[in-house]
C-alpha atoms as a PDB file:
ATOM      1  CA  MET A   1      17.667   3.726 -24.331  1.00  0.00           C
ATOM      2  CA  THR A   2      17.910   2.489 -20.743  1.00  0.00           C
ATOM      3  CA  GLN A   3      14.925   3.597 -18.656  1.00  0.00           C
ATOM      4  CA  TYR A   4      15.990   4.334 -15.141  1.00  0.00           C
ATOM      5  CA  PRO A   5      13.906   4.816 -12.023  1.00  0.00           C
ATOM      6  CA  LEU A   6      13.342   8.327 -11.039  1.00  0.00           C
ATOM      7  CA  VAL A   7      15.155   7.702  -7.675  1.00  0.00           C
ATOM      8  CA  TYR A   8      17.003   4.549  -6.674  1.00  0.00           C
ATOM      9  CA  LEU A   9      18.640   4.050  -3.336  1.00  0.00           C
ATOM     10  CA  ASP A  10      20.875   0.841  -3.727  1.00  0.00           C
ATOM     11  CA  HIS A  11      21.692  -0.782  -0.389  1.00  0.00           C
ATOM     12  CA  VAL A  12      22.425   2.436   1.382  1.00  0.00           C
ATOM     13  CA  GLN A  13      23.941   2.631   4.678  1.00  0.00           C
ATOM     14  CA  LYS A  14      24.638   5.838   6.551  1.00  0.00           C
ATOM     15  CA  LEU A  15      26.619   6.217   9.680  1.00  0.00           C
ATOM     16  CA  TYR A  16      26.964   9.261  11.994  1.00  0.00           C
ATOM     17  CA  GLY A  17      30.048   8.382  13.878  1.00  0.00           C
ATOM     18  CA  LYS A  18      29.122   5.128  15.746  1.00  0.00           C
ATOM     19  CA  HIS A  19      25.364   5.592  15.172  1.00  0.00           C
ATOM     20  CA  THR A  20      23.795   3.978  12.274  1.00  0.00           C
ATOM     21  CA  ALA A  21      21.077   6.120  10.842  1.00  0.00           C
ATOM     22  CA  LEU A  22      20.261   3.803   7.801  1.00  0.00           C
ATOM     23  CA  TYR A  23      20.809   0.107   7.531  1.00  0.00           C
ATOM     24  CA  ASP A  24      21.074  -1.400   3.822  1.00  0.00           C
ATOM     25  CA  VAL A  25      18.124   0.661   2.576  1.00  0.00           C
ATOM     26  CA  SER A  26      16.955  -0.040  -1.049  1.00  0.00           C
ATOM     27  CA  VAL A  27      14.108   2.235  -2.485  1.00  0.00           C
ATOM     28  CA  ASN A  28      12.779   2.531  -5.878  1.00  0.00           C
ATOM     29  CA  ILE A  29      10.660   5.594  -6.897  1.00  0.00           C
ATOM     30  CA  GLN A  30       9.023   5.666 -10.303  1.00  0.00           C
ATOM     31  CA  PRO A  31       7.834   8.700 -12.095  1.00  0.00           C
ATOM     32  CA  GLY A  32       4.158   9.908 -11.640  1.00  0.00           C
ATOM     33  CA  ARG A  33       3.738   8.668  -8.072  1.00  0.00           C
ATOM     34  CA  ILE A  34       2.911  10.452  -4.782  1.00  0.00           C
ATOM     35  CA  ILE A  35       4.755   8.644  -1.960  1.00  0.00           C
ATOM     36  CA  GLY A  36       4.460   9.150   1.780  1.00  0.00           C
ATOM     37  CA  LEU A  37       7.696   8.626   3.544  1.00  0.00           C
ATOM     38  CA  LEU A  38       6.235   7.743   7.204  1.00  0.00           C
ATOM     39  CA  GLY A  39       7.935   6.911  10.332  1.00  0.00           C
ATOM     40  CA  PRO A  40       8.482   8.162  13.979  1.00  0.00           C
ATOM     41  CA  ASN A  41      11.040  10.847  14.917  1.00  0.00           C
ATOM     42  CA  GLY A  42      14.590   9.604  14.484  1.00  0.00           C
ATOM     43  CA  SER A  43      13.497   6.798  12.019  1.00  0.00           C
ATOM     44  CA  GLY A  44      15.720   7.980   9.148  1.00  0.00           C
ATOM     45  CA  LYS A  45      13.376   9.904   7.067  1.00  0.00           C
ATOM     46  CA  THR A  46      15.454  13.182   7.000  1.00  0.00           C
ATOM     47  CA  THR A  47      18.469  11.291   6.241  1.00  0.00           C
ATOM     48  CA  ILE A  48      16.829   9.832   3.280  1.00  0.00           C
ATOM     49  CA  ILE A  49      15.715  13.211   2.000  1.00  0.00           C
ATOM     50  CA  LYS A  50      19.265  14.771   2.371  1.00  0.00           C
ATOM     51  CA  LEU A  51      20.919  11.774   0.613  1.00  0.00           C
ATOM     52  CA  ILE A  52      18.683  12.248  -2.393  1.00  0.00           C
ATOM     53  CA  ASN A  53      19.282  15.929  -2.344  1.00  0.00           C
ATOM     54  CA  GLY A  54      23.093  15.317  -2.202  1.00  0.00           C
ATOM     55  CA  LEU A  55      23.405  17.024   1.092  1.00  0.00           C
ATOM     56  CA  LEU A  56      24.812  13.957   2.548  1.00  0.00           C
ATOM     57  CA  GLN A  57      26.954  11.089   1.210  1.00  0.00           C
ATOM     58  CA  PRO A  58      26.168   7.448   1.965  1.00  0.00           C
ATOM     59  CA  THR A  59      28.676   5.575   3.991  1.00  0.00           C
ATOM     60  CA  SER A  60      28.068   2.646   1.595  1.00  0.00           C
ATOM     61  CA  GLY A  61      25.758   1.997  -1.249  1.00  0.00           C
ATOM     62  CA  ASN A  62      24.740   4.355  -3.879  1.00  0.00           C
ATOM     63  CA  VAL A  63      21.940   6.821  -4.566  1.00  0.00           C
ATOM     64  CA  TYR A  64      20.860   7.641  -8.125  1.00  0.00           C
ATOM     65  CA  ILE A  65      18.436  10.101  -9.628  1.00  0.00           C
ATOM     66  CA  HIS A  66      17.666   9.277 -13.430  1.00  0.00           C
ATOM     67  CA  GLY A  67      20.739   6.864 -13.110  1.00  0.00           C
ATOM     68  CA  GLN A  68      23.089   9.638 -12.026  1.00  0.00           C
ATOM     69  CA  ARG A  69      24.506   9.985  -8.755  1.00  0.00           C
ATOM     70  CA  PRO A  70      23.385  13.352  -6.923  1.00  0.00           C
ATOM     71  CA  SER A  71      25.019  16.347  -8.464  1.00  0.00           C
ATOM     72  CA  ILE A  72      24.418  19.889  -9.685  1.00  0.00           C
ATOM     73  CA  GLU A  73      22.642  18.367 -12.659  1.00  0.00           C
ATOM     74  CA  THR A  74      20.346  16.310 -10.421  1.00  0.00           C
ATOM     75  CA  LYS A  75      19.437  19.134  -8.264  1.00  0.00           C
ATOM     76  CA  LYS A  76      18.051  20.865 -11.399  1.00  0.00           C
ATOM     77  CA  VAL A  77      15.240  18.267 -11.465  1.00  0.00           C
ATOM     78  CA  ILE A  78      14.412  18.293  -7.745  1.00  0.00           C
ATOM     79  CA  SER A  79      12.478  20.817  -6.061  1.00  0.00           C
ATOM     80  CA  TYR A  80      12.926  20.485  -2.160  1.00  0.00           C
ATOM     81  CA  LEU A  81      10.941  21.947   0.677  1.00  0.00           C
ATOM     82  CA  PRO A  82      12.817  21.505   4.004  1.00  0.00           C
ATOM     83  CA  ASP A  83      11.214  21.532   7.351  1.00  0.00           C
ATOM     84  CA  THR A  84      12.870  24.709   8.469  1.00  0.00           C
ATOM     85  CA  THR A  85      12.395  28.406   7.222  1.00  0.00           C
ATOM     86  CA  TYR A  86      15.216  29.245   4.950  1.00  0.00           C
ATOM     87  CA  LEU A  87      14.207  32.663   3.424  1.00  0.00           C
ATOM     88  CA  ASP A  88      15.309  35.845   4.613  1.00  0.00           C
ATOM     89  CA  GLU A  89      12.738  37.303   7.095  1.00  0.00           C
ATOM     90  CA  ASN A  90      13.193  40.910   5.729  1.00  0.00           C
ATOM     91  CA  MET A  91      12.257  39.650   2.283  1.00  0.00           C
ATOM     92  CA  LYS A  92       8.912  40.686   0.607  1.00  0.00           C
ATOM     93  CA  ILE A  93       7.014  37.730  -0.816  1.00  0.00           C
ATOM     94  CA  SER A  94       7.632  39.498  -4.216  1.00  0.00           C
ATOM     95  CA  GLU A  95      11.409  39.446  -3.793  1.00  0.00           C
ATOM     96  CA  ALA A  96      11.328  35.717  -2.835  1.00  0.00           C
ATOM     97  CA  ILE A  97       9.539  35.034  -6.074  1.00  0.00           C
ATOM     98  CA  ARG A  98      12.075  37.068  -8.084  1.00  0.00           C
ATOM     99  CA  PHE A  99      14.918  35.087  -6.140  1.00  0.00           C
ATOM    100  CA  PHE A 100      13.545  31.730  -7.188  1.00  0.00           C
ATOM    101  CA  GLN A 101      12.952  33.098 -10.880  1.00  0.00           C
ATOM    102  CA  ASP A 102      16.525  34.128 -11.037  1.00  0.00           C
ATOM    103  CA  PHE A 103      17.822  30.890  -9.604  1.00  0.00           C
ATOM    104  CA  TYR A 104      15.708  28.294 -11.240  1.00  0.00           C
ATOM    105  CA  SER A 105      15.033  28.301 -15.047  1.00  0.00           C
ATOM    106  CA  ASP A 106      11.946  26.026 -14.597  1.00  0.00           C
ATOM    107  CA  PHE A 107      10.247  28.423 -12.168  1.00  0.00           C
ATOM    108  CA  ASN A 108       6.644  29.317 -13.228  1.00  0.00           C
ATOM    109  CA  VAL A 109       6.036  32.932 -12.060  1.00  0.00           C
ATOM    110  CA  ALA A 110       2.329  33.028 -13.320  1.00  0.00           C
ATOM    111  CA  ARG A 111       1.635  29.841 -11.110  1.00  0.00           C
ATOM    112  CA  ALA A 112       3.330  31.341  -7.982  1.00  0.00           C
ATOM    113  CA  HIS A 113       1.069  34.512  -8.175  1.00  0.00           C
ATOM    114  CA  LYS A 114      -1.973  32.626  -8.768  1.00  0.00           C
ATOM    115  CA  LEU A 115      -1.247  30.367  -5.796  1.00  0.00           C
ATOM    116  CA  LEU A 116      -0.518  33.429  -3.706  1.00  0.00           C
ATOM    117  CA  THR A 117      -3.971  34.782  -4.584  1.00  0.00           C
ATOM    118  CA  ASP A 118      -5.758  31.537  -3.792  1.00  0.00           C
ATOM    119  CA  LEU A 119      -4.213  31.530  -0.315  1.00  0.00           C
ATOM    120  CA  GLN A 120      -4.879  35.062   0.329  1.00  0.00           C
ATOM    121  CA  LEU A 121      -1.139  36.201   0.458  1.00  0.00           C
ATOM    122  CA  ARG A 122      -0.078  39.553  -0.855  1.00  0.00           C
ATOM    123  CA  PRO A 123       3.210  39.838  -2.760  1.00  0.00           C
ATOM    124  CA  GLU A 124       4.134  43.073  -0.776  1.00  0.00           C
ATOM    125  CA  GLN A 125       3.998  41.357   2.481  1.00  0.00           C
ATOM    126  CA  ARG A 126       7.273  40.731   4.331  1.00  0.00           C
ATOM    127  CA  LEU A 127       8.021  37.271   5.547  1.00  0.00           C
ATOM    128  CA  ARG A 128       8.601  38.719   9.167  1.00  0.00           C
ATOM    129  CA  GLN A 129       4.961  39.929   9.192  1.00  0.00           C
ATOM    130  CA  LEU A 130       3.585  36.388   8.424  1.00  0.00           C
ATOM    131  CA  SER A 131       2.478  33.641  10.836  1.00  0.00           C
ATOM    132  CA  LYS A 132       4.372  30.317  10.824  1.00  0.00           C
ATOM    133  CA  GLY A 133       1.598  28.812   8.837  1.00  0.00           C
ATOM    134  CA  ASN A 134       1.686  31.512   6.122  1.00  0.00           C
ATOM    135  CA  LYS A 135       5.359  31.210   5.911  1.00  0.00           C
ATOM    136  CA  GLU A 136       5.116  27.677   5.225  1.00  0.00           C
ATOM    137  CA  LYS A 137       2.488  28.446   2.458  1.00  0.00           C
ATOM    138  CA  VAL A 138       5.025  30.754   0.819  1.00  0.00           C
ATOM    139  CA  GLN A 139       7.768  28.162   0.897  1.00  0.00           C
ATOM    140  CA  LEU A 140       5.312  25.613  -0.554  1.00  0.00           C
ATOM    141  CA  ILE A 141       4.157  27.853  -3.260  1.00  0.00           C
ATOM    142  CA  LEU A 142       7.780  28.588  -4.227  1.00  0.00           C
ATOM    143  CA  VAL A 143       8.682  24.867  -4.240  1.00  0.00           C
ATOM    144  CA  MET A 144       5.417  23.810  -6.290  1.00  0.00           C
ATOM    145  CA  SER A 145       5.981  26.550  -8.864  1.00  0.00           C
ATOM    146  CA  ARG A 146       8.844  24.856 -10.430  1.00  0.00           C
ATOM    147  CA  GLU A 147       8.373  22.372 -13.195  1.00  0.00           C
ATOM    148  CA  ALA A 148      10.492  19.511 -11.369  1.00  0.00           C
ATOM    149  CA  ASP A 149      10.660  15.947 -11.858  1.00  0.00           C
ATOM    150  CA  LEU A 150      10.767  15.213  -8.191  1.00  0.00           C
ATOM    151  CA  TYR A 151       9.230  17.298  -5.253  1.00  0.00           C
ATOM    152  CA  ILE A 152      10.489  16.448  -1.917  1.00  0.00           C
ATOM    153  CA  LEU A 153       8.232  17.938   0.925  1.00  0.00           C
ATOM    154  CA  ASP A 154       9.439  17.486   4.566  1.00  0.00           C
ATOM    155  CA  GLU A 155       6.440  18.235   6.890  1.00  0.00           C
ATOM    156  CA  PRO A 156       4.761  20.479   4.226  1.00  0.00           C
ATOM    157  CA  ILE A 157       1.481  21.094   6.409  1.00  0.00           C
ATOM    158  CA  GLY A 158       2.763  20.819   9.882  1.00  0.00           C
ATOM    159  CA  GLY A 159       2.082  24.441  10.798  1.00  0.00           C
ATOM    160  CA  VAL A 160      -0.913  25.054   8.398  1.00  0.00           C
ATOM    161  CA  ASP A 161      -4.278  25.384   9.860  1.00  0.00           C
ATOM    162  CA  PRO A 162      -6.684  22.459   9.004  1.00  0.00           C
ATOM    163  CA  ALA A 163      -8.916  24.457   6.718  1.00  0.00           C
ATOM    164  CA  ALA A 164      -5.951  25.207   4.420  1.00  0.00           C
ATOM    165  CA  ARG A 165      -4.576  21.664   4.392  1.00  0.00           C
ATOM    166  CA  ASP A 166      -7.034  20.185   1.723  1.00  0.00           C
ATOM    167  CA  TYR A 167      -6.349  23.197  -0.552  1.00  0.00           C
ATOM    168  CA  ILE A 168      -2.535  22.735  -0.150  1.00  0.00           C
ATOM    169  CA  LEU A 169      -2.733  18.994  -0.815  1.00  0.00           C
ATOM    170  CA  ARG A 170      -4.723  19.712  -4.012  1.00  0.00           C
ATOM    171  CA  THR A 171      -2.188  22.289  -4.926  1.00  0.00           C
ATOM    172  CA  ILE A 172       0.455  19.594  -4.537  1.00  0.00           C
ATOM    173  CA  ILE A 173      -1.407  17.258  -6.774  1.00  0.00           C
ATOM    174  CA  GLN A 174      -2.473  19.789  -9.408  1.00  0.00           C
ATOM    175  CA  ASN A 175       0.804  21.557  -9.877  1.00  0.00           C
ATOM    176  CA  ARG A 176       3.018  18.704 -10.943  1.00  0.00           C
ATOM    177  CA  ARG A 177       3.335  17.291 -14.459  1.00  0.00           C
ATOM    178  CA  PRO A 178       2.007  13.805 -14.917  1.00  0.00           C
ATOM    179  CA  ASN A 179       5.407  12.136 -14.782  1.00  0.00           C
ATOM    180  CA  SER A 180       6.437  14.141 -11.807  1.00  0.00           C
ATOM    181  CA  SER A 181       6.620  12.310  -8.419  1.00  0.00           C
ATOM    182  CA  VAL A 182       6.146  13.736  -4.853  1.00  0.00           C
ATOM    183  CA  LEU A 183       7.870  12.578  -1.816  1.00  0.00           C
ATOM    184  CA  ILE A 184       6.017  13.660   1.381  1.00  0.00           C
ATOM    185  CA  SER A 185       7.521  13.251   4.767  1.00  0.00           C
ATOM    186  CA  THR A 186       4.860  13.890   7.394  1.00  0.00           C
ATOM    187  CA  HIS A 187       3.454  12.829  10.805  1.00  0.00           C
ATOM    188  CA  LEU A 188       0.031  13.955   9.664  1.00  0.00           C
ATOM    189  CA  ILE A 189      -0.770  10.657   7.944  1.00  0.00           C
ATOM    190  CA  ALA A 190      -4.583  10.922   8.234  1.00  0.00           C
ATOM    191  CA  ASP A 191      -4.531  14.335   6.385  1.00  0.00           C
ATOM    192  CA  VAL A 192      -2.325  13.246   3.444  1.00  0.00           C
ATOM    193  CA  GLU A 193      -3.325   9.542   3.005  1.00  0.00           C
ATOM    194  CA  GLN A 194      -6.076  10.501   0.506  1.00  0.00           C
ATOM    195  CA  VAL A 195      -3.514  11.759  -1.886  1.00  0.00           C
ATOM    196  CA  LEU A 196      -0.834   9.069  -1.550  1.00  0.00           C
ATOM    197  CA  ASP A 197      -0.219   6.380  -4.256  1.00  0.00           C
ATOM    198  CA  GLU A 198       2.418   4.632  -2.088  1.00  0.00           C
ATOM    199  CA  ALA A 199       3.347   4.389   1.629  1.00  0.00           C
ATOM    200  CA  LEU A 200       6.853   3.879   2.588  1.00  0.00           C
ATOM    201  CA  PHE A 201       7.222   3.021   6.283  1.00  0.00           C
ATOM    202  CA  ILE A 202      10.668   3.385   7.896  1.00  0.00           C
ATOM    203  CA  ASN A 203      11.620   2.618  11.473  1.00  0.00           C
ATOM    204  CA  GLN A 204      15.103   2.797  13.297  1.00  0.00           C
ATOM    205  CA  GLY A 205      16.913   3.181   9.756  1.00  0.00           C
ATOM    206  CA  ARG A 206      15.127   0.201   8.093  1.00  0.00           C
ATOM    207  CA  ILE A 207      12.462   0.082   5.517  1.00  0.00           C
ATOM    208  CA  MET A 208       9.610  -1.743   7.050  1.00  0.00           C
ATOM    209  CA  LEU A 209       7.036  -1.578   4.109  1.00  0.00           C
ATOM    210  CA  HIS A 210       6.805   0.002   0.890  1.00  0.00           C
ATOM    211  CA  GLU A 211       3.577  -0.654  -1.024  1.00  0.00           C
ATOM    212  CA  ASN A 212       0.809   0.690  -2.960  1.00  0.00           C
ATOM    213  CA  THR A 213      -1.785   2.338  -0.662  1.00  0.00           C
ATOM    214  CA  THR A 214      -4.907   0.625  -2.172  1.00  0.00           C
ATOM    215  CA  VAL A 215      -3.115  -2.745  -1.849  1.00  0.00           C
ATOM    216  CA  LEU A 216      -2.374  -1.965   1.760  1.00  0.00           C
ATOM    217  CA  ARG A 217      -5.995  -0.911   2.611  1.00  0.00           C
ATOM    218  CA  ASN A 218      -7.316  -4.008   1.035  1.00  0.00           C
ATOM    219  CA  GLN A 219      -4.755  -6.247   2.697  1.00  0.00           C
ATOM    220  CA  TYR A 220      -5.274  -4.936   6.174  1.00  0.00           C
ATOM    221  CA  GLY A 221      -8.814  -3.645   5.976  1.00  0.00           C
ATOM    222  CA  LYS A 222      -7.762  -0.338   7.579  1.00  0.00           C
ATOM    223  CA  SER A 223      -6.681   3.239   6.671  1.00  0.00           C
ATOM    224  CA  ILE A 224      -2.874   3.937   6.140  1.00  0.00           C
ATOM    225  CA  ASP A 225      -3.134   5.962   9.425  1.00  0.00           C
ATOM    226  CA  ALA A 226      -4.461   2.931  11.224  1.00  0.00           C
ATOM    227  CA  ILE A 227      -1.857   0.660   9.697  1.00  0.00           C
ATOM    228  CA  PHE A 228       0.817   3.016  10.621  1.00  0.00           C
ATOM    229  CA  ARG A 229      -0.258   3.252  14.206  1.00  0.00           C
ATOM    230  CA  GLU A 230      -0.360  -0.628  14.442  1.00  0.00           C
ATOM    231  CA  GLN A 231       3.028  -1.126  12.983  1.00  0.00           C
ATOM    232  CA  PHE A 232       4.582   1.595  15.296  1.00  0.00           C
ATOM    233  CA  ARG A 233       2.593   1.135  18.518  1.00  0.00           C
ATOM    234  CA  MET A 234       4.602   2.134  21.487  1.00  0.00           C
ATOM    235  CA  TYR A 235       4.840  -0.755  24.023  1.00  0.00           C
END
């Protein structure tokens, strides 16, 4: 039986009109890894995420999940947290949980309620009553309560207070199966680098670096955050 990578971008190019968002991008993501997708604004991070989720089609090249092109079937194994609020503001948290339970057969209700308790959120609260940070917590709880093969988190802690970030990062690690991978796109590199197995640097639509974080720290003698700042220093 052929063993495929969890995700494989094969010489992908993406154009928006005359603008090239991705140039000949090849990326291989294996099971059981936490990968930081790191780059400045407009570097192509969101385009990669949308291609993996099947929300965009490549102009050339191919995207594969478990050897298949993005489809309804591949969406069943991907749990995606976008960087925008997508739930009805009038919903109660309990209603959002039921919505996910009805929609996803792999949704773990008990896990969702435990995470709510840990983050001091009440099921009867309506989303419109929550702060921006607490809305992000609810969405993260919903996404991480699925039994997915790949979790894609776009700026998962951007609006969360620093005190909650460590807990949320532990939640990300502890609430995935050993063979599940997590792709985290974020600007808060110093906050997340402790959990990363790999760093994937992208700039102006090109992959600049994709390496094991321990190898990078040993090679450069610096933190991932410091390496990133050095690689993308503004002149």
